Amino acid sequence: MRNIVLIFLFAASLQGCFPVILVGAGAGVLMVQDRRTNGAYIEDEAIENKALNRIDIQFKDSVHVNVTSYNRAVLITGQVPSFEVKEQIKRIVANVMNVNKIYNELAVAEKTSLSSRSNDALISSNVKMRFVGDNRFGANSIKVVTENGIVYLMGIVSHAEGHAASSVASGSQGVSRVIEFFEYVD
């Protein structure tokens, strides 16, 4: 008990670092429940950060782009002003170290509104909550990304798990379409 008190006192003295410790512990729990290796999990985070940084440097506010990496397969979603920009962004992502596969789902369209993006976040949350209640697959084994009402599913799953997750997602409120980018293990 004394050690626990000392840990909390030490953590509290770190001020801004305390949330980092908690987030780090939370990430560790997620990594244990994830089917990716720890190395792949960390590389996916690095891929997302590097790609987004490079896209931001080149295009600033002229595009709305999301980059999601799962087991080194990268999903690019959002809106860009032209097909040429869509291809440039794909090349930027392809040049990030450790990227094995790219799913370029960028739309050549006007950027979505804040209201639309908020609705997408709500849809993703709803799908994830419904995943937690389903015992046919592990909710943390599947990454959910929503863009303009389209739900993208990524993960390492069996065919049965993928089918179940897709079924749950497609039955969720506000979902216009479900697209699967699964890596199958069976």
N, C-alpha and C. Protein backbone atom coordinates (compact mmCIF):
# COMPACT_ATOMS: atom_id res chain seq x y z
N MET A 1 0.83 -1.19 0.00
CA MET A 1 0.00 0.00 0.00
C MET A 1 0.87 1.25 0.00
N ARG A 2 1.93 1.20 0.78
CA ARG A 2 2.82 2.36 0.86
C ARG A 2 3.43 2.65 -0.52
N ASN A 3 3.79 1.60 -1.25
CA ASN A 3 4.37 1.78 -2.58
C ASN A 3 3.39 2.44 -3.54
N ILE A 4 2.13 2.08 -3.44
CA ILE A 4 1.11 2.67 -4.31
C ILE A 4 0.97 4.16 -4.03
N VAL A 5 0.97 4.52 -2.75
CA VAL A 5 0.89 5.93 -2.38
C VAL A 5 2.10 6.68 -2.91
N LEU A 6 3.28 6.10 -2.79
CA LEU A 6 4.50 6.74 -3.30
C LEU A 6 4.44 6.92 -4.81
N ILE A 7 3.92 5.94 -5.51
CA ILE A 7 3.80 6.04 -6.97
C ILE A 7 2.88 7.19 -7.34
N PHE A 8 1.73 7.30 -6.65
CA PHE A 8 0.81 8.39 -6.96
C PHE A 8 1.40 9.75 -6.61
N LEU A 9 2.13 9.84 -5.50
CA LEU A 9 2.78 11.10 -5.15
C LEU A 9 3.83 11.47 -6.18
N PHE A 10 4.61 10.50 -6.61
CA PHE A 10 5.63 10.75 -7.63
C PHE A 10 4.97 11.17 -8.94
N ALA A 11 3.92 10.44 -9.33
CA ALA A 11 3.23 10.76 -10.58
C ALA A 11 2.60 12.15 -10.52
N ALA A 12 2.05 12.50 -9.39
CA ALA A 12 1.44 13.82 -9.24
C ALA A 12 2.49 14.92 -9.35
N SER A 13 3.70 14.64 -8.90
CA SER A 13 4.76 15.65 -8.97
C SER A 13 5.23 15.88 -10.40
N LEU A 14 4.91 14.96 -11.30
CA LEU A 14 5.30 15.12 -12.70
C LEU A 14 4.38 16.07 -13.46
N GLN A 15 3.32 16.50 -12.85
CA GLN A 15 2.33 17.41 -13.41
C GLN A 15 1.85 16.94 -14.76
N GLY A 16 2.34 17.52 -15.84
CA GLY A 16 1.86 17.22 -17.19
C GLY A 16 2.14 15.80 -17.61
N CYS A 17 3.04 15.11 -16.97
CA CYS A 17 3.38 13.75 -17.37
C CYS A 17 2.39 12.72 -16.86
N PHE A 18 1.63 13.06 -15.83
CA PHE A 18 0.71 12.09 -15.25
C PHE A 18 -0.29 11.56 -16.29
N PRO A 19 -0.93 12.44 -17.08
CA PRO A 19 -1.84 11.90 -18.10
C PRO A 19 -1.10 11.02 -19.11
N VAL A 20 0.15 11.34 -19.39
CA VAL A 20 0.93 10.53 -20.32
C VAL A 20 1.10 9.13 -19.77
N ILE A 21 1.36 9.03 -18.48
CA ILE A 21 1.51 7.72 -17.85
C ILE A 21 0.21 6.95 -17.97
N LEU A 22 -0.90 7.60 -17.71
CA LEU A 22 -2.19 6.93 -17.80
C LEU A 22 -2.49 6.53 -19.24
N VAL A 23 -2.22 7.41 -20.19
CA VAL A 23 -2.46 7.09 -21.59
C VAL A 23 -1.55 5.94 -22.00
N GLY A 24 -0.31 5.98 -21.57
CA GLY A 24 0.63 4.90 -21.88
C GLY A 24 0.13 3.56 -21.36
N ALA A 25 -0.39 3.57 -20.15
CA ALA A 25 -0.94 2.34 -19.58
C ALA A 25 -2.16 1.88 -20.38
N GLY A 26 -3.00 2.83 -20.79
CA GLY A 26 -4.17 2.48 -21.60
C GLY A 26 -3.77 1.91 -22.94
N ALA A 27 -2.75 2.48 -23.54
CA ALA A 27 -2.26 1.97 -24.83
C ALA A 27 -1.71 0.56 -24.65
N GLY A 28 -1.07 0.30 -23.53
CA GLY A 28 -0.55 -1.03 -23.26
C GLY A 28 -1.67 -2.05 -23.17
N VAL A 29 -2.78 -1.68 -22.53
CA VAL A 29 -3.93 -2.58 -22.44
C VAL A 29 -4.48 -2.84 -23.83
N LEU A 30 -4.62 -1.79 -24.65
CA LEU A 30 -5.12 -1.97 -26.01
C LEU A 30 -4.20 -2.86 -26.82
N MET A 31 -2.88 -2.70 -26.66
CA MET A 31 -1.93 -3.50 -27.40
C MET A 31 -2.06 -4.98 -27.04
N VAL A 32 -2.32 -5.28 -25.77
CA VAL A 32 -2.47 -6.67 -25.35
C VAL A 32 -3.68 -7.30 -26.01
N GLN A 33 -4.76 -6.53 -26.19
CA GLN A 33 -5.98 -7.06 -26.77
C GLN A 33 -5.98 -7.03 -28.30
N ASP A 34 -4.99 -6.41 -28.90
CA ASP A 34 -4.88 -6.24 -30.34
C ASP A 34 -4.17 -7.45 -30.95
N ARG A 35 -4.54 -7.84 -32.15
CA ARG A 35 -3.90 -8.98 -32.81
C ARG A 35 -2.61 -8.61 -33.52
N ARG A 36 -2.33 -7.34 -33.63
CA ARG A 36 -1.06 -6.93 -34.23
C ARG A 36 0.05 -7.16 -33.23
N THR A 37 1.26 -7.32 -33.74
CA THR A 37 2.40 -7.39 -32.83
C THR A 37 2.60 -6.01 -32.23
N ASN A 38 3.31 -5.94 -31.11
CA ASN A 38 3.59 -4.64 -30.50
C ASN A 38 4.34 -3.74 -31.48
N GLY A 39 5.27 -4.33 -32.23
CA GLY A 39 6.02 -3.56 -33.22
C GLY A 39 5.13 -2.99 -34.30
N ALA A 40 4.18 -3.79 -34.80
CA ALA A 40 3.26 -3.31 -35.83
C ALA A 40 2.36 -2.20 -35.28
N TYR A 41 1.92 -2.35 -34.04
CA TYR A 41 1.07 -1.35 -33.40
C TYR A 41 1.81 0.00 -33.36
N ILE A 42 3.05 -0.04 -32.92
CA ILE A 42 3.85 1.19 -32.81
C ILE A 42 4.16 1.75 -34.20
N GLU A 43 4.50 0.87 -35.15
CA GLU A 43 4.76 1.32 -36.51
C GLU A 43 3.52 1.96 -37.14
N ASP A 44 2.34 1.41 -36.86
CA ASP A 44 1.11 2.00 -37.40
C ASP A 44 0.92 3.43 -36.91
N GLU A 45 1.20 3.66 -35.63
CA GLU A 45 1.10 5.02 -35.09
C GLU A 45 2.09 5.94 -35.80
N ALA A 46 3.31 5.46 -36.00
CA ALA A 46 4.35 6.26 -36.67
C ALA A 46 3.96 6.53 -38.12
N ILE A 47 3.44 5.54 -38.81
CA ILE A 47 3.00 5.72 -40.20
C ILE A 47 1.95 6.82 -40.29
N GLU A 48 0.95 6.75 -39.42
CA GLU A 48 -0.12 7.76 -39.43
C GLU A 48 0.44 9.15 -39.19
N ASN A 49 1.28 9.30 -38.17
CA ASN A 49 1.83 10.61 -37.83
C ASN A 49 2.71 11.18 -38.94
N LYS A 50 3.60 10.35 -39.48
CA LYS A 50 4.50 10.82 -40.54
C LYS A 50 3.71 11.20 -41.80
N ALA A 51 2.77 10.36 -42.19
CA ALA A 51 2.00 10.64 -43.40
C ALA A 51 1.19 11.92 -43.24
N LEU A 52 0.51 12.07 -42.13
CA LEU A 52 -0.30 13.28 -41.91
C LEU A 52 0.58 14.53 -41.87
N ASN A 53 1.74 14.43 -41.25
CA ASN A 53 2.65 15.57 -41.20
C ASN A 53 3.10 15.97 -42.60
N ARG A 54 3.48 15.00 -43.41
CA ARG A 54 3.95 15.28 -44.77
C ARG A 54 2.82 15.85 -45.64
N ILE A 55 1.62 15.33 -45.48
CA ILE A 55 0.48 15.84 -46.24
C ILE A 55 0.18 17.28 -45.82
N ASP A 56 0.22 17.55 -44.53
CA ASP A 56 -0.04 18.89 -44.01
C ASP A 56 1.00 19.90 -44.52
N ILE A 57 2.25 19.51 -44.55
CA ILE A 57 3.31 20.40 -45.05
C ILE A 57 3.04 20.77 -46.50
N GLN A 58 2.64 19.82 -47.31
CA GLN A 58 2.45 20.08 -48.73
C GLN A 58 1.12 20.75 -49.05
N PHE A 59 0.03 20.38 -48.37
CA PHE A 59 -1.29 20.83 -48.79
C PHE A 59 -2.01 21.75 -47.79
N LYS A 60 -1.49 21.85 -46.59
CA LYS A 60 -2.08 22.70 -45.54
C LYS A 60 -3.60 22.49 -45.45
N ASP A 61 -4.37 23.57 -45.56
CA ASP A 61 -5.83 23.48 -45.38
C ASP A 61 -6.60 23.26 -46.68
N SER A 62 -5.92 22.96 -47.76
CA SER A 62 -6.62 22.78 -49.04
C SER A 62 -7.25 21.41 -49.18
N VAL A 63 -6.95 20.50 -48.24
CA VAL A 63 -7.51 19.15 -48.29
C VAL A 63 -8.01 18.75 -46.90
N HIS A 64 -8.88 17.76 -46.87
CA HIS A 64 -9.27 17.12 -45.61
C HIS A 64 -8.91 15.65 -45.76
N VAL A 65 -7.85 15.24 -45.05
CA VAL A 65 -7.35 13.88 -45.21
C VAL A 65 -7.17 13.21 -43.86
N ASN A 66 -7.61 11.96 -43.78
CA ASN A 66 -7.37 11.11 -42.62
C ASN A 66 -6.52 9.93 -43.07
N VAL A 67 -5.56 9.57 -42.26
CA VAL A 67 -4.70 8.42 -42.55
C VAL A 67 -4.84 7.44 -41.40
N THR A 68 -5.22 6.21 -41.72
CA THR A 68 -5.39 5.17 -40.72
C THR A 68 -4.55 3.98 -41.13
N SER A 69 -3.67 3.54 -40.24
CA SER A 69 -2.82 2.40 -40.54
C SER A 69 -3.16 1.25 -39.60
N TYR A 70 -3.28 0.06 -40.17
CA TYR A 70 -3.53 -1.13 -39.37
C TYR A 70 -2.69 -2.26 -39.94
N ASN A 71 -1.74 -2.71 -39.18
CA ASN A 71 -0.81 -3.77 -39.58
C ASN A 71 -0.10 -3.40 -40.89
N ARG A 72 0.27 -2.14 -40.97
CA ARG A 72 1.03 -1.55 -42.08
C ARG A 72 0.22 -1.41 -43.37
N ALA A 73 -1.08 -1.65 -43.31
CA ALA A 73 -1.98 -1.35 -44.43
C ALA A 73 -2.62 0.00 -44.12
N VAL A 74 -2.56 0.91 -45.08
CA VAL A 74 -2.97 2.29 -44.82
C VAL A 74 -4.24 2.64 -45.60
N LEU A 75 -5.20 3.17 -44.88
CA LEU A 75 -6.45 3.67 -45.45
C LEU A 75 -6.37 5.19 -45.48
N ILE A 76 -6.59 5.76 -46.66
CA ILE A 76 -6.61 7.22 -46.79
C ILE A 76 -8.04 7.62 -47.13
N THR A 77 -8.64 8.46 -46.29
CA THR A 77 -10.00 8.94 -46.52
C THR A 77 -10.02 10.46 -46.46
N GLY A 78 -11.09 11.03 -46.96
CA GLY A 78 -11.25 12.48 -46.92
C GLY A 78 -11.60 13.03 -48.29
N GLN A 79 -11.39 14.34 -48.44
CA GLN A 79 -11.74 15.01 -49.69
C GLN A 79 -10.55 15.84 -50.18
N VAL A 80 -10.36 15.81 -51.49
CA VAL A 80 -9.29 16.56 -52.14
C VAL A 80 -9.88 17.27 -53.36
N PRO A 81 -9.21 18.36 -53.83
CA PRO A 81 -9.77 19.14 -54.93
C PRO A 81 -9.63 18.52 -56.32
N SER A 82 -8.73 17.54 -56.50
CA SER A 82 -8.54 16.99 -57.84
C SER A 82 -7.98 15.57 -57.78
N PHE A 83 -8.10 14.88 -58.91
CA PHE A 83 -7.55 13.54 -59.03
C PHE A 83 -6.03 13.59 -58.87
N GLU A 84 -5.40 14.64 -59.39
CA GLU A 84 -3.94 14.78 -59.29
C GLU A 84 -3.50 14.86 -57.83
N VAL A 85 -4.22 15.62 -57.02
CA VAL A 85 -3.91 15.74 -55.59
C VAL A 85 -4.12 14.39 -54.91
N LYS A 86 -5.17 13.68 -55.29
CA LYS A 86 -5.43 12.35 -54.74
C LYS A 86 -4.24 11.43 -54.98
N GLU A 87 -3.70 11.44 -56.18
CA GLU A 87 -2.54 10.62 -56.52
C GLU A 87 -1.27 11.09 -55.81
N GLN A 88 -1.10 12.41 -55.67
CA GLN A 88 0.07 12.94 -54.95
C GLN A 88 0.05 12.48 -53.50
N ILE A 89 -1.12 12.52 -52.89
CA ILE A 89 -1.23 12.08 -51.49
C ILE A 89 -0.94 10.59 -51.38
N LYS A 90 -1.39 9.82 -52.32
CA LYS A 90 -1.09 8.38 -52.32
C LYS A 90 0.42 8.16 -52.39
N ARG A 91 1.11 8.92 -53.23
CA ARG A 91 2.57 8.79 -53.35
C ARG A 91 3.27 9.21 -52.05
N ILE A 92 2.76 10.27 -51.41
CA ILE A 92 3.34 10.70 -50.14
C ILE A 92 3.25 9.57 -49.12
N VAL A 93 2.09 8.95 -49.03
CA VAL A 93 1.88 7.86 -48.07
C VAL A 93 2.75 6.65 -48.45
N ALA A 94 2.84 6.36 -49.73
CA ALA A 94 3.65 5.21 -50.18
C ALA A 94 5.12 5.38 -49.82
N ASN A 95 5.57 6.61 -49.69
CA ASN A 95 6.98 6.87 -49.36
C ASN A 95 7.28 6.86 -47.87
N VAL A 96 6.26 6.62 -47.05
CA VAL A 96 6.49 6.49 -45.61
C VAL A 96 7.01 5.08 -45.35
N MET A 97 8.06 4.99 -44.56
CA MET A 97 8.68 3.69 -44.28
C MET A 97 7.68 2.73 -43.63
N ASN A 98 7.73 1.46 -44.01
CA ASN A 98 6.95 0.34 -43.47
C ASN A 98 5.52 0.24 -43.99
N VAL A 99 5.12 1.08 -44.95
CA VAL A 99 3.79 0.95 -45.53
C VAL A 99 3.81 -0.21 -46.52
N ASN A 100 2.92 -1.18 -46.31
CA ASN A 100 2.87 -2.37 -47.17
C ASN A 100 1.77 -2.30 -48.22
N LYS A 101 0.67 -1.63 -47.89
CA LYS A 101 -0.49 -1.60 -48.77
C LYS A 101 -1.23 -0.28 -48.55
N ILE A 102 -1.84 0.24 -49.62
CA ILE A 102 -2.59 1.49 -49.52
C ILE A 102 -3.98 1.31 -50.10
N TYR A 103 -4.98 1.75 -49.35
CA TYR A 103 -6.36 1.82 -49.81
C TYR A 103 -6.67 3.31 -49.94
N ASN A 104 -6.69 3.80 -51.17
CA ASN A 104 -6.90 5.24 -51.39
C ASN A 104 -8.38 5.50 -51.63
N GLU A 105 -9.08 5.87 -50.58
CA GLU A 105 -10.52 6.13 -50.64
C GLU A 105 -10.82 7.64 -50.63
N LEU A 106 -9.85 8.44 -51.00
CA LEU A 106 -10.06 9.89 -51.07
C LEU A 106 -11.12 10.19 -52.14
N ALA A 107 -11.99 11.13 -51.83
CA ALA A 107 -13.00 11.58 -52.78
C ALA A 107 -12.56 12.91 -53.37
N VAL A 108 -12.73 13.06 -54.67
CA VAL A 108 -12.49 14.35 -55.30
C VAL A 108 -13.79 15.13 -55.11
N ALA A 109 -13.78 15.99 -54.10
CA ALA A 109 -14.99 16.71 -53.70
C ALA A 109 -14.62 17.85 -52.75
N GLU A 110 -15.60 18.69 -52.47
CA GLU A 110 -15.40 19.74 -51.47
C GLU A 110 -15.22 19.11 -50.11
N LYS A 111 -14.47 19.78 -49.25
CA LYS A 111 -14.26 19.27 -47.89
C LYS A 111 -15.61 19.20 -47.17
N THR A 112 -15.77 18.15 -46.38
CA THR A 112 -17.01 18.00 -45.62
C THR A 112 -17.07 19.05 -44.52
N SER A 113 -18.28 19.33 -44.09
CA SER A 113 -18.49 20.33 -43.04
C SER A 113 -18.16 19.76 -41.66
N LEU A 114 -18.00 20.64 -40.70
CA LEU A 114 -17.77 20.22 -39.32
C LEU A 114 -18.94 19.37 -38.83
N SER A 115 -20.14 19.72 -39.24
CA SER A 115 -21.33 18.96 -38.86
C SER A 115 -21.26 17.53 -39.40
N SER A 116 -20.83 17.39 -40.64
CA SER A 116 -20.70 16.05 -41.25
C SER A 116 -19.63 15.25 -40.52
N ARG A 117 -18.52 15.88 -40.18
CA ARG A 117 -17.44 15.18 -39.47
C ARG A 117 -17.87 14.76 -38.07
N SER A 118 -18.66 15.61 -37.43
CA SER A 118 -19.19 15.27 -36.11
C SER A 118 -20.14 14.08 -36.20
N ASN A 119 -20.95 14.07 -37.25
CA ASN A 119 -21.86 12.94 -37.47
C ASN A 119 -21.07 11.66 -37.72
N ASP A 120 -19.96 11.75 -38.46
CA ASP A 120 -19.12 10.58 -38.70
C ASP A 120 -18.54 10.05 -37.39
N ALA A 121 -18.12 10.95 -36.53
CA ALA A 121 -17.58 10.54 -35.22
C ALA A 121 -18.66 9.83 -34.40
N LEU A 122 -19.87 10.33 -34.48
CA LEU A 122 -20.99 9.71 -33.77
C LEU A 122 -21.29 8.32 -34.33
N ILE A 123 -21.25 8.19 -35.64
CA ILE A 123 -21.47 6.88 -36.27
C ILE A 123 -20.39 5.90 -35.82
N SER A 124 -19.12 6.32 -35.85
CA SER A 124 -18.03 5.43 -35.41
C SER A 124 -18.23 5.00 -33.97
N SER A 125 -18.59 5.93 -33.11
CA SER A 125 -18.81 5.61 -31.69
C SER A 125 -19.95 4.62 -31.54
N ASN A 126 -21.02 4.82 -32.30
CA ASN A 126 -22.17 3.92 -32.24
C ASN A 126 -21.77 2.51 -32.69
N VAL A 127 -21.02 2.42 -33.79
CA VAL A 127 -20.59 1.11 -34.28
C VAL A 127 -19.71 0.43 -33.24
N LYS A 128 -18.76 1.17 -32.66
CA LYS A 128 -17.86 0.58 -31.66
C LYS A 128 -18.63 0.11 -30.43
N MET A 129 -19.61 0.88 -30.00
CA MET A 129 -20.43 0.47 -28.85
C MET A 129 -21.19 -0.82 -29.17
N ARG A 130 -21.69 -0.92 -30.39
CA ARG A 130 -22.40 -2.14 -30.79
C ARG A 130 -21.44 -3.32 -30.89
N PHE A 131 -20.19 -3.06 -31.26
CA PHE A 131 -19.17 -4.12 -31.30
C PHE A 131 -18.94 -4.70 -29.91
N VAL A 132 -18.89 -3.83 -28.91
CA VAL A 132 -18.62 -4.27 -27.54
C VAL A 132 -19.69 -5.27 -27.08
N GLY A 133 -20.91 -5.06 -27.50
CA GLY A 133 -22.00 -5.95 -27.09
C GLY A 133 -22.09 -7.24 -27.88
N ASP A 134 -21.23 -7.42 -28.86
CA ASP A 134 -21.30 -8.62 -29.71
C ASP A 134 -20.16 -9.56 -29.33
N ASN A 135 -20.46 -10.81 -29.02
CA ASN A 135 -19.43 -11.74 -28.57
C ASN A 135 -18.87 -12.63 -29.69
N ARG A 136 -19.19 -12.33 -30.95
CA ARG A 136 -18.69 -13.14 -32.06
C ARG A 136 -17.28 -12.72 -32.51
N PHE A 137 -16.81 -11.58 -32.02
CA PHE A 137 -15.49 -11.09 -32.37
C PHE A 137 -15.04 -10.12 -31.29
N GLY A 138 -13.73 -9.90 -31.22
CA GLY A 138 -13.20 -8.96 -30.25
C GLY A 138 -13.32 -7.54 -30.75
N ALA A 139 -13.98 -6.70 -30.00
CA ALA A 139 -14.21 -5.32 -30.42
C ALA A 139 -12.90 -4.58 -30.68
N ASN A 140 -11.85 -4.90 -29.93
CA ASN A 140 -10.58 -4.22 -30.11
C ASN A 140 -9.76 -4.78 -31.26
N SER A 141 -10.26 -5.81 -31.92
CA SER A 141 -9.56 -6.39 -33.07
C SER A 141 -9.89 -5.67 -34.37
N ILE A 142 -10.85 -4.76 -34.30
CA ILE A 142 -11.33 -4.10 -35.52
C ILE A 142 -11.28 -2.59 -35.34
N LYS A 143 -10.66 -1.93 -36.31
CA LYS A 143 -10.59 -0.47 -36.32
C LYS A 143 -11.74 0.04 -37.17
N VAL A 144 -12.44 1.05 -36.67
CA VAL A 144 -13.59 1.63 -37.35
C VAL A 144 -13.25 3.06 -37.75
N VAL A 145 -13.42 3.36 -39.03
CA VAL A 145 -13.21 4.71 -39.55
C VAL A 145 -14.46 5.08 -40.34
N THR A 146 -15.01 6.26 -40.08
CA THR A 146 -16.19 6.70 -40.81
C THR A 146 -15.88 8.00 -41.53
N GLU A 147 -16.22 8.04 -42.80
CA GLU A 147 -16.04 9.24 -43.61
C GLU A 147 -17.27 9.43 -44.48
N ASN A 148 -17.98 10.53 -44.23
CA ASN A 148 -19.16 10.90 -45.00
C ASN A 148 -20.21 9.78 -45.00
N GLY A 149 -20.39 9.14 -43.85
CA GLY A 149 -21.40 8.10 -43.67
C GLY A 149 -20.96 6.71 -44.08
N ILE A 150 -19.79 6.60 -44.70
CA ILE A 150 -19.27 5.30 -45.10
C ILE A 150 -18.37 4.78 -43.98
N VAL A 151 -18.63 3.56 -43.54
CA VAL A 151 -17.84 2.96 -42.47
C VAL A 151 -16.82 2.01 -43.09
N TYR A 152 -15.56 2.22 -42.73
CA TYR A 152 -14.46 1.36 -43.17
C TYR A 152 -14.03 0.53 -41.97
N LEU A 153 -13.87 -0.77 -42.19
CA LEU A 153 -13.45 -1.68 -41.13
C LEU A 153 -12.09 -2.27 -41.50
N MET A 154 -11.17 -2.23 -40.54
CA MET A 154 -9.84 -2.80 -40.73
C MET A 154 -9.53 -3.69 -39.54
N GLY A 155 -8.79 -4.75 -39.78
CA GLY A 155 -8.40 -5.60 -38.67
C GLY A 155 -7.89 -6.94 -39.14
N ILE A 156 -7.40 -7.70 -38.19
CA ILE A 156 -6.96 -9.07 -38.43
C ILE A 156 -8.03 -9.97 -37.84
N VAL A 157 -8.79 -10.62 -38.71
CA VAL A 157 -9.97 -11.37 -38.28
C VAL A 157 -10.11 -12.67 -39.06
N SER A 158 -10.94 -13.56 -38.57
CA SER A 158 -11.35 -14.72 -39.35
C SER A 158 -12.48 -14.25 -40.27
N HIS A 159 -12.80 -15.05 -41.26
CA HIS A 159 -13.90 -14.67 -42.16
C HIS A 159 -15.22 -14.52 -41.39
N ALA A 160 -15.46 -15.42 -40.43
CA ALA A 160 -16.69 -15.34 -39.64
C ALA A 160 -16.73 -14.06 -38.82
N GLU A 161 -15.60 -13.69 -38.21
CA GLU A 161 -15.54 -12.46 -37.43
C GLU A 161 -15.77 -11.23 -38.32
N GLY A 162 -15.13 -11.23 -39.48
CA GLY A 162 -15.29 -10.12 -40.41
C GLY A 162 -16.72 -9.96 -40.87
N HIS A 163 -17.35 -11.07 -41.18
CA HIS A 163 -18.75 -11.03 -41.61
C HIS A 163 -19.65 -10.51 -40.49
N ALA A 164 -19.42 -10.99 -39.27
CA ALA A 164 -20.22 -10.54 -38.12
C ALA A 164 -20.03 -9.05 -37.88
N ALA A 165 -18.78 -8.58 -37.93
CA ALA A 165 -18.51 -7.16 -37.70
C ALA A 165 -19.16 -6.30 -38.77
N SER A 166 -19.07 -6.74 -40.01
CA SER A 166 -19.69 -6.00 -41.11
C SER A 166 -21.21 -5.93 -40.94
N SER A 167 -21.79 -7.03 -40.51
CA SER A 167 -23.23 -7.08 -40.28
C SER A 167 -23.65 -6.11 -39.17
N VAL A 168 -22.89 -6.11 -38.08
CA VAL A 168 -23.19 -5.19 -36.98
C VAL A 168 -23.06 -3.75 -37.44
N ALA A 169 -21.97 -3.46 -38.15
CA ALA A 169 -21.74 -2.08 -38.61
C ALA A 169 -22.82 -1.62 -39.57
N SER A 170 -23.21 -2.49 -40.52
CA SER A 170 -24.20 -2.07 -41.52
C SER A 170 -25.57 -1.84 -40.89
N GLY A 171 -25.84 -2.46 -39.75
CA GLY A 171 -27.11 -2.25 -39.07
C GLY A 171 -27.12 -1.07 -38.12
N SER A 172 -26.02 -0.34 -38.09
CA SER A 172 -25.92 0.81 -37.19
C SER A 172 -26.55 2.05 -37.81
N GLN A 173 -27.10 2.89 -36.97
CA GLN A 173 -27.79 4.09 -37.43
C GLN A 173 -26.83 5.04 -38.14
N GLY A 174 -27.27 5.56 -39.29
CA GLY A 174 -26.51 6.56 -40.02
C GLY A 174 -25.51 6.01 -41.02
N VAL A 175 -25.31 4.70 -41.04
CA VAL A 175 -24.31 4.09 -41.92
C VAL A 175 -24.91 3.96 -43.33
N SER A 176 -24.24 4.55 -44.31
CA SER A 176 -24.73 4.45 -45.68
C SER A 176 -24.13 3.24 -46.40
N ARG A 177 -22.92 2.85 -45.97
CA ARG A 177 -22.24 1.74 -46.63
C ARG A 177 -21.11 1.25 -45.73
N VAL A 178 -20.76 -0.03 -45.84
CA VAL A 178 -19.64 -0.59 -45.08
C VAL A 178 -18.65 -1.17 -46.08
N ILE A 179 -17.38 -0.79 -45.91
CA ILE A 179 -16.31 -1.32 -46.76
C ILE A 179 -15.30 -2.01 -45.85
N GLU A 180 -14.99 -3.25 -46.18
CA GLU A 180 -14.07 -4.06 -45.36
C GLU A 180 -12.67 -4.07 -45.97
N PHE A 181 -11.69 -3.80 -45.14
CA PHE A 181 -10.29 -3.96 -45.51
C PHE A 181 -9.64 -4.86 -44.47
N PHE A 182 -10.10 -6.09 -44.39
CA PHE A 182 -9.63 -7.02 -43.38
C PHE A 182 -8.44 -7.83 -43.88
N GLU A 183 -7.64 -8.25 -42.93
CA GLU A 183 -6.60 -9.24 -43.16
C GLU A 183 -7.12 -10.51 -42.50
N TYR A 184 -7.32 -11.56 -43.29
CA TYR A 184 -7.95 -12.77 -42.78
C TYR A 184 -6.89 -13.77 -42.30
N VAL A 185 -7.21 -14.42 -41.17
CA VAL A 185 -6.27 -15.38 -40.56
C VAL A 185 -6.69 -16.83 -40.75
N ASP A 186 -7.82 -17.06 -41.40
CA ASP A 186 -8.22 -18.47 -41.58
C ASP A 186 -8.20 -18.88 -43.03
